[in-house]
N, C-alpha and C. Protein backbone atom coordinates (compact mmCIF):
# COMPACT_ATOMS: atom_id res chain seq x y z
N MET A 1 97.46 81.91 114.44
CA MET A 1 98.03 81.24 113.25
C MET A 1 97.41 81.80 111.97
N LEU A 2 96.07 81.93 112.00
CA LEU A 2 95.37 82.48 110.84
C LEU A 2 95.83 83.90 110.56
N SER A 3 96.04 84.66 111.65
CA SER A 3 96.48 86.05 111.50
C SER A 3 97.86 86.12 110.85
N GLU A 4 98.77 85.25 111.26
CA GLU A 4 100.12 85.24 110.69
C GLU A 4 100.10 84.82 109.22
N ASN A 5 99.26 83.82 108.90
CA ASN A 5 99.13 83.40 107.50
C ASN A 5 98.58 84.53 106.64
N LEU A 6 97.62 85.26 107.20
CA LEU A 6 97.05 86.40 106.49
C LEU A 6 98.12 87.44 106.19
N LEU A 7 98.98 87.70 107.17
CA LEU A 7 100.04 88.69 106.97
C LEU A 7 100.98 88.27 105.84
N HIS A 8 101.30 86.99 105.78
CA HIS A 8 102.19 86.50 104.73
C HIS A 8 101.56 86.69 103.35
N ILE A 9 100.27 86.39 103.25
CA ILE A 9 99.56 86.54 101.97
C ILE A 9 99.52 88.00 101.55
N LEU A 10 99.15 88.87 102.50
CA LEU A 10 99.07 90.30 102.21
C LEU A 10 100.44 90.86 101.82
N GLU A 11 101.47 90.41 102.53
CA GLU A 11 102.82 90.90 102.24
C GLU A 11 103.25 90.50 100.84
N PHE A 12 102.93 89.27 100.45
CA PHE A 12 103.29 88.76 99.12
C PHE A 12 102.59 89.57 98.03
N VAL A 13 101.28 89.72 98.16
CA VAL A 13 100.49 90.44 97.16
C VAL A 13 100.90 91.91 97.10
N GLY A 14 101.03 92.53 98.27
CA GLY A 14 101.39 93.95 98.32
C GLY A 14 102.78 94.22 97.77
N THR A 15 103.71 93.32 98.06
CA THR A 15 105.08 93.48 97.58
C THR A 15 105.14 93.46 96.06
N ILE A 16 104.49 92.49 95.45
CA ILE A 16 104.48 92.40 93.99
C ILE A 16 103.80 93.62 93.38
N SER A 17 102.66 94.00 93.94
CA SER A 17 101.90 95.13 93.39
C SER A 17 102.69 96.43 93.45
N PHE A 18 103.27 96.72 94.61
CA PHE A 18 104.02 97.97 94.76
C PHE A 18 105.35 97.94 94.02
N ALA A 19 105.98 96.77 93.92
CA ALA A 19 107.23 96.68 93.15
C ALA A 19 106.97 97.00 91.68
N ILE A 20 105.88 96.46 91.15
CA ILE A 20 105.51 96.74 89.75
C ILE A 20 105.20 98.22 89.58
N SER A 21 104.43 98.77 90.51
CA SER A 21 104.07 100.19 90.44
C SER A 21 105.32 101.07 90.49
N GLY A 22 106.22 100.78 91.42
CA GLY A 22 107.44 101.56 91.55
C GLY A 22 108.33 101.45 90.34
N ALA A 23 108.43 100.24 89.79
CA ALA A 23 109.26 100.02 88.60
C ALA A 23 108.72 100.80 87.41
N LEU A 24 107.41 100.84 87.25
CA LEU A 24 106.81 101.58 86.14
C LEU A 24 107.09 103.07 86.25
N VAL A 25 107.01 103.59 87.47
CA VAL A 25 107.32 105.01 87.68
C VAL A 25 108.79 105.28 87.37
N ALA A 26 109.66 104.38 87.79
CA ALA A 26 111.10 104.55 87.54
C ALA A 26 111.42 104.51 86.05
N ILE A 27 110.74 103.64 85.32
CA ILE A 27 110.95 103.54 83.87
C ILE A 27 110.51 104.83 83.19
N ARG A 28 109.36 105.38 83.61
CA ARG A 28 108.90 106.65 83.04
C ARG A 28 109.87 107.79 83.36
N ALA A 29 110.57 107.66 84.50
CA ALA A 29 111.57 108.67 84.87
C ALA A 29 112.90 108.43 84.17
N GLN A 30 112.94 107.40 83.31
CA GLN A 30 114.11 107.06 82.50
C GLN A 30 115.33 106.69 83.35
N LEU A 31 115.10 105.95 84.44
CA LEU A 31 116.20 105.46 85.25
C LEU A 31 116.77 104.18 84.64
N ASP A 32 118.02 103.87 84.98
CA ASP A 32 118.61 102.64 84.46
C ASP A 32 118.09 101.44 85.26
N ILE A 33 118.57 100.24 84.93
CA ILE A 33 118.01 99.03 85.54
C ILE A 33 118.22 99.02 87.05
N PHE A 34 119.36 99.53 87.52
CA PHE A 34 119.57 99.59 88.96
C PHE A 34 118.56 100.52 89.61
N GLY A 35 118.32 101.67 88.97
CA GLY A 35 117.34 102.62 89.49
C GLY A 35 115.95 102.02 89.53
N VAL A 36 115.59 101.27 88.49
CA VAL A 36 114.27 100.62 88.44
C VAL A 36 114.14 99.61 89.57
N ILE A 37 115.17 98.81 89.78
CA ILE A 37 115.14 97.81 90.85
C ILE A 37 115.07 98.49 92.22
N PHE A 38 115.87 99.54 92.39
CA PHE A 38 115.90 100.23 93.67
C PHE A 38 114.56 100.89 93.98
N ILE A 39 114.00 101.59 93.00
CA ILE A 39 112.71 102.27 93.22
C ILE A 39 111.60 101.24 93.42
N GLY A 40 111.62 100.17 92.63
CA GLY A 40 110.63 99.11 92.82
C GLY A 40 110.74 98.50 94.21
N GLY A 41 111.97 98.27 94.66
CA GLY A 41 112.18 97.68 95.98
C GLY A 41 111.76 98.59 97.11
N ILE A 42 112.15 99.86 97.05
CA ILE A 42 111.82 100.79 98.14
C ILE A 42 110.32 101.07 98.17
N THR A 43 109.67 101.04 97.01
CA THR A 43 108.21 101.22 96.99
C THR A 43 107.53 100.05 97.70
N ALA A 44 108.10 98.86 97.52
CA ALA A 44 107.51 97.65 98.10
C ALA A 44 107.75 97.52 99.60
N VAL A 45 108.91 97.96 100.08
CA VAL A 45 109.25 97.70 101.49
C VAL A 45 109.35 98.96 102.35
N GLY A 46 109.30 100.14 101.73
CA GLY A 46 109.50 101.38 102.48
C GLY A 46 108.50 101.60 103.60
N GLY A 47 107.22 101.35 103.31
CA GLY A 47 106.19 101.55 104.33
C GLY A 47 106.36 100.62 105.51
N GLY A 48 106.72 99.37 105.23
CA GLY A 48 106.93 98.40 106.30
C GLY A 48 108.10 98.76 107.19
N ILE A 49 109.15 99.32 106.59
CA ILE A 49 110.31 99.75 107.38
C ILE A 49 109.92 100.87 108.34
N VAL A 50 109.19 101.86 107.84
CA VAL A 50 108.74 102.97 108.69
C VAL A 50 107.86 102.44 109.82
N ARG A 51 106.94 101.55 109.50
CA ARG A 51 106.04 100.96 110.52
C ARG A 51 106.84 100.25 111.60
N ASP A 52 107.78 99.41 111.20
CA ASP A 52 108.55 98.63 112.17
C ASP A 52 109.40 99.52 113.07
N LEU A 53 109.97 100.58 112.50
CA LEU A 53 110.75 101.50 113.32
C LEU A 53 109.88 102.20 114.36
N LEU A 54 108.64 102.52 113.99
CA LEU A 54 107.73 103.19 114.92
C LEU A 54 107.36 102.30 116.11
N ILE A 55 107.25 101.01 115.89
CA ILE A 55 106.85 100.10 116.98
C ILE A 55 108.07 99.45 117.64
N GLY A 56 109.27 99.90 117.28
CA GLY A 56 110.47 99.37 117.91
C GLY A 56 110.88 98.00 117.45
N ARG A 57 110.47 97.64 116.26
CA ARG A 57 110.83 96.33 115.70
C ARG A 57 112.15 96.50 114.94
N ILE A 58 113.25 96.26 115.62
CA ILE A 58 114.57 96.51 115.04
C ILE A 58 115.41 95.22 115.10
N PRO A 59 116.01 94.82 113.98
CA PRO A 59 115.88 95.45 112.66
C PRO A 59 114.49 95.20 112.07
N PRO A 60 114.02 96.06 111.17
CA PRO A 60 112.73 95.83 110.52
C PRO A 60 112.65 94.45 109.88
N SER A 61 111.44 93.92 109.81
CA SER A 61 111.23 92.54 109.37
C SER A 61 111.81 92.25 107.99
N ILE A 62 111.88 93.25 107.13
CA ILE A 62 112.38 93.04 105.78
C ILE A 62 113.82 92.54 105.79
N PHE A 63 114.59 92.91 106.83
CA PHE A 63 116.00 92.51 106.90
C PHE A 63 116.19 91.11 107.47
N SER A 64 115.12 90.53 107.98
CA SER A 64 115.20 89.15 108.46
C SER A 64 114.42 88.20 107.56
N ASN A 65 113.83 88.75 106.50
CA ASN A 65 113.07 87.95 105.55
C ASN A 65 113.49 88.32 104.13
N GLY A 66 114.57 87.69 103.68
CA GLY A 66 115.12 88.03 102.37
C GLY A 66 114.21 87.69 101.21
N GLN A 67 113.24 86.80 101.44
CA GLN A 67 112.34 86.40 100.36
C GLN A 67 111.54 87.57 99.83
N ILE A 68 111.09 88.43 100.73
CA ILE A 68 110.27 89.57 100.31
C ILE A 68 111.07 90.51 99.41
N MET A 69 112.32 90.79 99.81
CA MET A 69 113.15 91.67 98.99
C MET A 69 113.44 91.02 97.64
N LEU A 70 113.64 89.71 97.65
CA LEU A 70 113.90 88.99 96.40
C LEU A 70 112.70 89.07 95.46
N ILE A 71 111.50 88.93 96.03
CA ILE A 71 110.27 89.04 95.23
C ILE A 71 110.17 90.42 94.59
N ALA A 72 110.47 91.46 95.38
CA ALA A 72 110.41 92.84 94.87
C ALA A 72 111.42 93.04 93.75
N ILE A 73 112.62 92.50 93.92
CA ILE A 73 113.66 92.63 92.90
C ILE A 73 113.26 91.92 91.62
N LEU A 74 112.77 90.69 91.75
CA LEU A 74 112.38 89.92 90.57
C LEU A 74 111.24 90.59 89.82
N ALA A 75 110.26 91.11 90.56
CA ALA A 75 109.13 91.80 89.92
C ALA A 75 109.61 93.04 89.18
N SER A 76 110.53 93.78 89.77
CA SER A 76 111.06 94.99 89.15
C SER A 76 111.86 94.67 87.89
N VAL A 77 112.69 93.62 87.98
CA VAL A 77 113.49 93.20 86.82
C VAL A 77 112.58 92.76 85.68
N LEU A 78 111.54 92.01 86.01
CA LEU A 78 110.60 91.54 84.99
C LEU A 78 109.94 92.71 84.27
N VAL A 79 109.50 93.71 85.03
CA VAL A 79 108.87 94.89 84.44
C VAL A 79 109.87 95.62 83.54
N PHE A 80 111.11 95.75 84.00
CA PHE A 80 112.14 96.43 83.20
C PHE A 80 112.38 95.69 81.89
N LEU A 81 112.50 94.37 81.94
CA LEU A 81 112.78 93.59 80.74
C LEU A 81 111.63 93.68 79.74
N ILE A 82 110.40 93.61 80.24
CA ILE A 82 109.23 93.73 79.36
C ILE A 82 109.23 95.09 78.66
N ALA A 83 109.50 96.15 79.44
CA ALA A 83 109.53 97.50 78.86
C ALA A 83 110.72 97.67 77.92
N TYR A 84 111.86 97.09 78.27
CA TYR A 84 113.08 97.25 77.48
C TYR A 84 112.94 96.62 76.09
N PHE A 85 112.35 95.45 76.04
CA PHE A 85 112.22 94.75 74.75
C PHE A 85 110.94 95.12 74.00
N ASN A 86 110.15 95.98 74.60
CA ASN A 86 108.93 96.46 73.94
C ASN A 86 108.83 97.98 74.08
N ARG A 87 109.96 98.65 73.84
CA ARG A 87 110.02 100.09 74.09
C ARG A 87 109.00 100.89 73.29
N GLN A 88 108.86 100.54 72.02
CA GLN A 88 107.93 101.30 71.17
C GLN A 88 106.50 101.15 71.66
N LYS A 89 106.10 99.91 71.96
CA LYS A 89 104.74 99.69 72.46
C LYS A 89 104.55 100.36 73.81
N PHE A 90 105.59 100.33 74.61
CA PHE A 90 105.52 100.94 75.94
C PHE A 90 105.22 102.42 75.84
N GLU A 91 105.85 103.10 74.87
CA GLU A 91 105.60 104.53 74.66
C GLU A 91 104.21 104.76 74.09
N GLU A 92 103.82 103.92 73.12
CA GLU A 92 102.52 104.09 72.47
C GLU A 92 101.36 103.86 73.44
N LEU A 93 101.56 102.94 74.37
CA LEU A 93 100.48 102.57 75.29
C LEU A 93 100.66 103.22 76.66
N SER A 94 101.29 104.38 76.69
CA SER A 94 101.60 105.03 77.97
C SER A 94 100.35 105.29 78.81
N ALA A 95 99.26 105.70 78.16
CA ALA A 95 98.02 105.98 78.90
C ALA A 95 97.45 104.70 79.50
N LYS A 96 97.49 103.62 78.72
CA LYS A 96 96.98 102.34 79.21
C LYS A 96 97.86 101.81 80.34
N ILE A 97 99.16 101.98 80.19
CA ILE A 97 100.09 101.54 81.22
C ILE A 97 99.87 102.32 82.51
N GLU A 98 99.55 103.60 82.38
CA GLU A 98 99.24 104.42 83.55
C GLU A 98 98.02 103.86 84.28
N SER A 99 97.02 103.42 83.52
CA SER A 99 95.82 102.83 84.12
C SER A 99 96.16 101.52 84.83
N ILE A 100 97.01 100.72 84.19
CA ILE A 100 97.44 99.46 84.80
C ILE A 100 98.22 99.74 86.08
N ASN A 101 99.07 100.75 86.03
CA ASN A 101 99.85 101.13 87.21
C ASN A 101 98.94 101.54 88.35
N ASN A 102 97.86 102.26 88.04
CA ASN A 102 96.91 102.68 89.07
C ASN A 102 96.27 101.48 89.76
N VAL A 103 96.01 100.42 88.99
CA VAL A 103 95.42 99.21 89.57
C VAL A 103 96.40 98.56 90.54
N PHE A 104 97.63 98.36 90.09
CA PHE A 104 98.64 97.75 90.97
C PHE A 104 98.87 98.61 92.21
N ASP A 105 98.88 99.92 92.03
CA ASP A 105 99.09 100.82 93.15
C ASP A 105 97.94 100.73 94.15
N ALA A 106 96.72 100.62 93.65
CA ALA A 106 95.55 100.51 94.52
C ALA A 106 95.58 99.21 95.31
N VAL A 107 95.95 98.12 94.65
CA VAL A 107 96.03 96.82 95.32
C VAL A 107 97.13 96.85 96.38
N GLY A 108 98.27 97.44 96.03
CA GLY A 108 99.36 97.55 97.01
C GLY A 108 98.95 98.38 98.20
N LEU A 109 98.29 99.50 97.95
CA LEU A 109 97.83 100.37 99.03
C LEU A 109 96.87 99.63 99.95
N ALA A 110 95.92 98.92 99.36
CA ALA A 110 94.91 98.20 100.14
C ALA A 110 95.54 97.10 100.99
N THR A 111 96.37 96.28 100.38
CA THR A 111 96.95 95.14 101.11
C THR A 111 97.88 95.61 102.22
N PHE A 112 98.69 96.61 101.96
CA PHE A 112 99.62 97.07 102.99
C PHE A 112 98.92 97.87 104.08
N THR A 113 97.81 98.53 103.74
CA THR A 113 97.02 99.22 104.77
C THR A 113 96.46 98.21 105.76
N VAL A 114 95.86 97.15 105.24
CA VAL A 114 95.31 96.10 106.10
C VAL A 114 96.43 95.41 106.88
N MET A 115 97.52 95.13 106.20
CA MET A 115 98.65 94.47 106.86
C MET A 115 99.19 95.30 108.02
N GLY A 116 99.39 96.60 107.78
CA GLY A 116 99.90 97.47 108.84
C GLY A 116 98.97 97.55 110.02
N THR A 117 97.67 97.55 109.75
CA THR A 117 96.68 97.60 110.82
C THR A 117 96.69 96.30 111.61
N GLU A 118 96.82 95.18 110.92
CA GLU A 118 96.86 93.87 111.59
C GLU A 118 98.11 93.72 112.44
N VAL A 119 99.23 94.27 111.98
CA VAL A 119 100.47 94.22 112.77
C VAL A 119 100.26 94.90 114.12
N SER A 120 99.48 95.98 114.13
CA SER A 120 99.18 96.66 115.38
C SER A 120 98.45 95.74 116.35
N PHE A 121 97.54 94.93 115.84
CA PHE A 121 96.83 93.96 116.68
C PHE A 121 97.80 92.90 117.21
N LEU A 122 98.66 92.40 116.34
CA LEU A 122 99.59 91.35 116.74
C LEU A 122 100.57 91.82 117.81
N PHE A 123 100.94 93.09 117.76
CA PHE A 123 101.91 93.62 118.72
C PHE A 123 101.24 94.24 119.95
N GLY A 124 99.93 94.08 120.06
CA GLY A 124 99.23 94.50 121.27
C GLY A 124 98.91 95.97 121.36
N PHE A 125 98.82 96.65 120.21
CA PHE A 125 98.52 98.08 120.22
C PHE A 125 97.07 98.39 119.85
N SER A 126 96.23 97.37 119.81
CA SER A 126 94.86 97.57 119.30
C SER A 126 94.00 98.45 120.20
N ASP A 127 94.42 98.67 121.45
CA ASP A 127 93.67 99.57 122.32
C ASP A 127 93.88 101.03 121.93
N ASN A 128 94.92 101.28 121.16
CA ASN A 128 95.26 102.64 120.73
C ASN A 128 94.85 102.80 119.26
N ILE A 129 93.64 103.29 119.05
CA ILE A 129 93.11 103.38 117.68
C ILE A 129 93.94 104.35 116.83
N PHE A 130 94.44 105.42 117.44
CA PHE A 130 95.23 106.39 116.67
C PHE A 130 96.50 105.74 116.13
N LEU A 131 97.24 105.06 117.01
CA LEU A 131 98.47 104.40 116.58
C LEU A 131 98.18 103.32 115.55
N THR A 132 97.11 102.58 115.77
CA THR A 132 96.76 101.49 114.85
C THR A 132 96.50 102.02 113.44
N VAL A 133 95.72 103.09 113.34
CA VAL A 133 95.40 103.66 112.03
C VAL A 133 96.64 104.30 111.39
N VAL A 134 97.46 104.95 112.20
CA VAL A 134 98.70 105.54 111.66
C VAL A 134 99.61 104.45 111.11
N LEU A 135 99.71 103.33 111.82
CA LEU A 135 100.54 102.22 111.34
C LEU A 135 99.99 101.66 110.03
N GLY A 136 98.66 101.55 109.95
CA GLY A 136 98.04 101.07 108.72
C GLY A 136 98.30 102.02 107.56
N MET A 137 98.12 103.31 107.81
CA MET A 137 98.31 104.30 106.75
C MET A 137 99.77 104.37 106.30
N LEU A 138 100.70 104.43 107.25
CA LEU A 138 102.11 104.55 106.89
C LEU A 138 102.62 103.31 106.15
N THR A 139 102.12 102.15 106.54
CA THR A 139 102.50 100.94 105.81
C THR A 139 102.00 101.02 104.37
N GLY A 140 100.81 101.61 104.21
CA GLY A 140 100.22 101.72 102.88
C GLY A 140 100.86 102.78 102.00
N VAL A 141 101.17 103.93 102.57
CA VAL A 141 101.63 105.06 101.73
C VAL A 141 103.13 105.32 101.80
N GLY A 142 103.81 104.72 102.79
CA GLY A 142 105.23 105.03 103.01
C GLY A 142 106.11 104.76 101.80
N GLY A 143 105.93 103.59 101.19
CA GLY A 143 106.75 103.24 100.03
C GLY A 143 106.55 104.19 98.87
N GLY A 144 105.31 104.60 98.66
CA GLY A 144 105.01 105.54 97.57
C GLY A 144 105.64 106.90 97.80
N ILE A 145 105.72 107.32 99.06
CA ILE A 145 106.37 108.60 99.37
C ILE A 145 107.85 108.54 99.01
N PHE A 146 108.51 107.45 99.42
CA PHE A 146 109.93 107.27 99.06
C PHE A 146 110.11 107.25 97.55
N ARG A 147 109.22 106.54 96.87
CA ARG A 147 109.29 106.44 95.40
C ARG A 147 109.22 107.81 94.75
N ASP A 148 108.26 108.61 95.18
CA ASP A 148 108.06 109.92 94.55
C ASP A 148 109.21 110.87 94.85
N ILE A 149 109.69 110.86 96.09
CA ILE A 149 110.82 111.74 96.44
C ILE A 149 112.06 111.37 95.65
N LEU A 150 112.33 110.08 95.53
CA LEU A 150 113.54 109.63 94.83
C LEU A 150 113.46 109.83 93.32
N THR A 151 112.24 109.97 92.79
CA THR A 151 112.10 110.27 91.36
C THR A 151 111.80 111.75 91.13
N ASP A 152 112.11 112.57 92.15
CA ASP A 152 112.03 114.03 92.06
C ASP A 152 110.61 114.51 91.77
N THR A 153 109.66 113.93 92.49
CA THR A 153 108.25 114.29 92.32
C THR A 153 107.64 114.60 93.68
N THR A 154 106.76 115.60 93.74
CA THR A 154 106.02 115.84 94.97
C THR A 154 105.21 114.59 95.28
N PRO A 155 105.31 114.04 96.49
CA PRO A 155 104.58 112.81 96.81
C PRO A 155 103.12 112.87 96.39
N TYR A 156 102.70 111.82 95.72
CA TYR A 156 101.36 111.70 95.15
C TYR A 156 100.28 111.99 96.17
N ILE A 157 100.50 111.54 97.41
CA ILE A 157 99.45 111.65 98.43
C ILE A 157 99.15 113.09 98.81
N PHE A 158 100.05 114.01 98.48
CA PHE A 158 99.86 115.41 98.88
C PHE A 158 99.21 116.27 97.81
N LYS A 159 99.01 115.72 96.61
CA LYS A 159 98.57 116.62 95.54
C LYS A 159 97.49 116.07 94.62
N LYS A 160 97.30 114.77 94.57
CA LYS A 160 96.44 114.26 93.51
C LYS A 160 95.53 113.14 94.00
N HIS A 161 94.25 113.31 93.77
CA HIS A 161 93.25 112.28 94.03
C HIS A 161 93.25 111.86 95.50
N ILE A 162 92.27 111.10 95.87
CA ILE A 162 92.16 110.65 97.26
C ILE A 162 93.00 109.40 97.43
N TYR A 163 94.05 109.50 98.24
CA TYR A 163 95.00 108.39 98.39
C TYR A 163 95.18 108.02 99.86
N ALA A 164 95.83 108.90 100.62
CA ALA A 164 96.03 108.61 102.04
C ALA A 164 94.70 108.49 102.77
N LEU A 165 93.71 109.27 102.33
CA LEU A 165 92.39 109.23 102.97
C LEU A 165 91.74 107.86 102.79
N ALA A 166 91.92 107.27 101.61
CA ALA A 166 91.40 105.92 101.37
C ALA A 166 92.07 104.93 102.31
N SER A 167 93.36 105.10 102.54
CA SER A 167 94.09 104.24 103.46
C SER A 167 93.61 104.42 104.90
N ILE A 168 93.41 105.66 105.30
CA ILE A 168 92.95 105.94 106.67
C ILE A 168 91.60 105.30 106.94
N PHE A 169 90.65 105.52 106.03
CA PHE A 169 89.31 104.97 106.24
C PHE A 169 89.30 103.45 106.09
N GLY A 170 90.16 102.93 105.22
CA GLY A 170 90.28 101.47 105.10
C GLY A 170 90.83 100.87 106.38
N SER A 171 91.79 101.53 106.99
CA SER A 171 92.35 101.07 108.25
C SER A 171 91.32 101.15 109.38
N LEU A 172 90.56 102.23 109.39
CA LEU A 172 89.49 102.36 110.39
C LEU A 172 88.44 101.26 110.24
N LEU A 173 88.05 100.99 109.01
CA LEU A 173 87.06 99.94 108.75
C LEU A 173 87.58 98.60 109.26
N TYR A 174 88.83 98.29 108.93
CA TYR A 174 89.42 97.03 109.38
C TYR A 174 89.50 96.98 110.91
N TYR A 175 89.88 98.09 111.50
CA TYR A 175 90.01 98.16 112.96
C TYR A 175 88.70 97.80 113.65
N PHE A 176 87.62 98.45 113.25
CA PHE A 176 86.34 98.23 113.92
C PHE A 176 85.79 96.83 113.65
N LEU A 177 85.92 96.35 112.42
CA LEU A 177 85.45 95.00 112.11
C LEU A 177 86.27 93.95 112.86
N ARG A 178 87.55 94.15 112.89
CA ARG A 178 88.47 93.19 113.55
C ARG A 178 88.28 93.20 115.05
N ARG A 179 88.09 94.35 115.61
CA ARG A 179 88.03 94.48 117.08
C ARG A 179 86.67 94.10 117.64
N TYR A 180 85.60 94.44 116.93
CA TYR A 180 84.28 94.27 117.51
C TYR A 180 83.46 93.13 116.91
N THR A 181 83.93 92.54 115.82
CA THR A 181 83.23 91.37 115.28
C THR A 181 84.11 90.13 115.31
N GLU A 182 85.43 90.34 115.40
CA GLU A 182 86.40 89.24 115.45
C GLU A 182 86.28 88.30 114.26
N THR A 183 85.86 88.85 113.13
CA THR A 183 85.79 88.04 111.90
C THR A 183 86.93 88.49 110.99
N LEU A 184 88.04 87.81 111.11
CA LEU A 184 89.27 88.22 110.43
C LEU A 184 89.12 88.26 108.92
N ILE A 185 88.56 87.20 108.36
CA ILE A 185 88.43 87.11 106.91
C ILE A 185 87.50 88.19 106.37
N LEU A 186 86.35 88.36 107.03
CA LEU A 186 85.39 89.38 106.59
C LEU A 186 86.01 90.77 106.68
N ALA A 187 86.68 91.05 107.79
CA ALA A 187 87.32 92.35 107.97
C ALA A 187 88.35 92.61 106.87
N THR A 188 89.10 91.57 106.55
CA THR A 188 90.14 91.70 105.52
C THR A 188 89.55 91.98 104.15
N VAL A 189 88.59 91.15 103.75
CA VAL A 189 88.01 91.26 102.41
C VAL A 189 87.31 92.60 102.23
N LEU A 190 86.48 92.99 103.20
CA LEU A 190 85.73 94.24 103.08
C LEU A 190 86.67 95.45 103.04
N SER A 191 87.70 95.42 103.85
CA SER A 191 88.64 96.55 103.89
C SER A 191 89.46 96.64 102.61
N LEU A 192 89.90 95.50 102.09
CA LEU A 192 90.64 95.49 100.82
C LEU A 192 89.79 96.05 99.69
N VAL A 193 88.57 95.55 99.60
CA VAL A 193 87.66 96.00 98.53
C VAL A 193 87.37 97.49 98.68
N PHE A 194 87.16 97.92 99.90
CA PHE A 194 86.86 99.34 100.16
C PHE A 194 87.97 100.24 99.64
N VAL A 195 89.21 99.95 100.01
CA VAL A 195 90.33 100.81 99.60
C VAL A 195 90.52 100.79 98.09
N VAL A 196 90.46 99.61 97.49
CA VAL A 196 90.65 99.51 96.04
C VAL A 196 89.56 100.27 95.30
N VAL A 197 88.31 100.09 95.72
CA VAL A 197 87.19 100.76 95.05
C VAL A 197 87.31 102.28 95.17
N ILE A 198 87.62 102.76 96.37
CA ILE A 198 87.78 104.21 96.57
C ILE A 198 88.88 104.76 95.68
N ARG A 199 90.01 104.04 95.61
CA ARG A 199 91.12 104.51 94.78
C ARG A 199 90.75 104.51 93.29
N MET A 200 90.08 103.48 92.85
CA MET A 200 89.70 103.40 91.44
C MET A 200 88.69 104.48 91.08
N LEU A 201 87.72 104.71 91.96
CA LEU A 201 86.73 105.76 91.72
C LEU A 201 87.38 107.14 91.75
N ALA A 202 88.31 107.35 92.69
CA ALA A 202 89.00 108.63 92.78
C ALA A 202 89.80 108.91 91.51
N THR A 203 90.40 107.85 90.96
CA THR A 203 91.18 108.01 89.73
C THR A 203 90.27 108.26 88.53
N LYS A 204 89.18 107.53 88.46
CA LYS A 204 88.26 107.66 87.33
C LYS A 204 87.56 109.01 87.31
N TYR A 205 87.08 109.44 88.48
CA TYR A 205 86.30 110.67 88.55
C TYR A 205 87.11 111.87 89.06
N LEU A 206 88.42 111.68 89.19
CA LEU A 206 89.34 112.76 89.59
C LEU A 206 88.95 113.40 90.92
N TRP A 207 88.59 112.55 91.89
CA TRP A 207 88.28 113.07 93.22
C TRP A 207 89.57 113.52 93.89
N SER A 208 89.57 114.74 94.38
CA SER A 208 90.73 115.26 95.09
C SER A 208 90.27 116.09 96.27
N LEU A 209 91.15 116.24 97.24
CA LEU A 209 90.86 117.10 98.37
C LEU A 209 91.01 118.56 97.94
N PRO A 210 90.33 119.49 98.61
CA PRO A 210 90.43 120.91 98.24
C PRO A 210 91.86 121.42 98.37
N LYS A 211 92.26 122.29 97.46
CA LYS A 211 93.56 122.93 97.56
C LYS A 211 93.46 124.33 96.97
N ILE A 212 94.41 125.17 97.34
CA ILE A 212 94.43 126.55 96.85
C ILE A 212 95.21 126.60 95.55
N ARG A 213 94.58 127.09 94.51
CA ARG A 213 95.24 127.19 93.21
C ARG A 213 95.47 128.66 92.88
N PHE A 214 96.62 128.96 92.31
CA PHE A 214 96.95 130.32 91.92
C PHE A 214 97.04 130.40 90.40
N GLU A 215 96.66 131.54 89.86
CA GLU A 215 96.61 131.70 88.40
C GLU A 215 97.97 131.47 87.76
N GLU A 216 99.04 132.00 88.35
CA GLU A 216 100.37 131.84 87.77
C GLU A 216 100.76 130.38 87.72
N THR A 217 100.44 129.65 88.79
CA THR A 217 100.76 128.23 88.83
C THR A 217 100.00 127.48 87.77
N ASP A 218 98.72 127.82 87.60
CA ASP A 218 97.88 127.17 86.60
C ASP A 218 98.42 127.41 85.20
N LYS A 219 98.87 128.66 84.93
CA LYS A 219 99.38 128.98 83.59
C LYS A 219 100.67 128.21 83.30
N GLN A 220 101.53 128.10 84.32
CA GLN A 220 102.79 127.39 84.14
C GLN A 220 102.57 125.91 83.93
N SER A 221 101.55 125.34 84.62
CA SER A 221 101.28 123.91 84.49
C SER A 221 100.45 123.61 83.25
């Protein structure tokens, strides 16, 4: 019962956070209100859909729980209206808004990573650590991948700062705490804080994984 309640809380928080993050990206891409709602929605539910398809949960839970989609739509509409009626400030404060977006994105990543990992426990896959961590990571990063592709951007997780790695290690932390200490609340809190802190530090100090850079590419960028 506690586990199911935890999932509902995480889903609520993660949905709002990712819907806001997706809507902000869509607004910067100058999409219309439908585009903002669609991108906000797919950012919020995309990872969960991928997770459910992997474990054979058909139809995915989002299609049997209209409340979550409604929350994502309302959050996206609210962001659009705030930006629409404050266009000048929105442009002037673009750097600050980017920082705010990073916070919402980090919270969404953390909550959905933990949620995806917990779903693996609920469905009896906890003996398979690889599957459990993959489910946690995909739930966390899946929506963002859809968001970036649909806004014609190379997915964030492949090029900038530590993102998927934070999700993987956050999922691993939750897995071991949940499996070997059986302290659900402690596992949840520590894992959430871990992912958020790693993401915030990676953004602040520009931590990124190694990549090959070419002079021509650098000059063009």
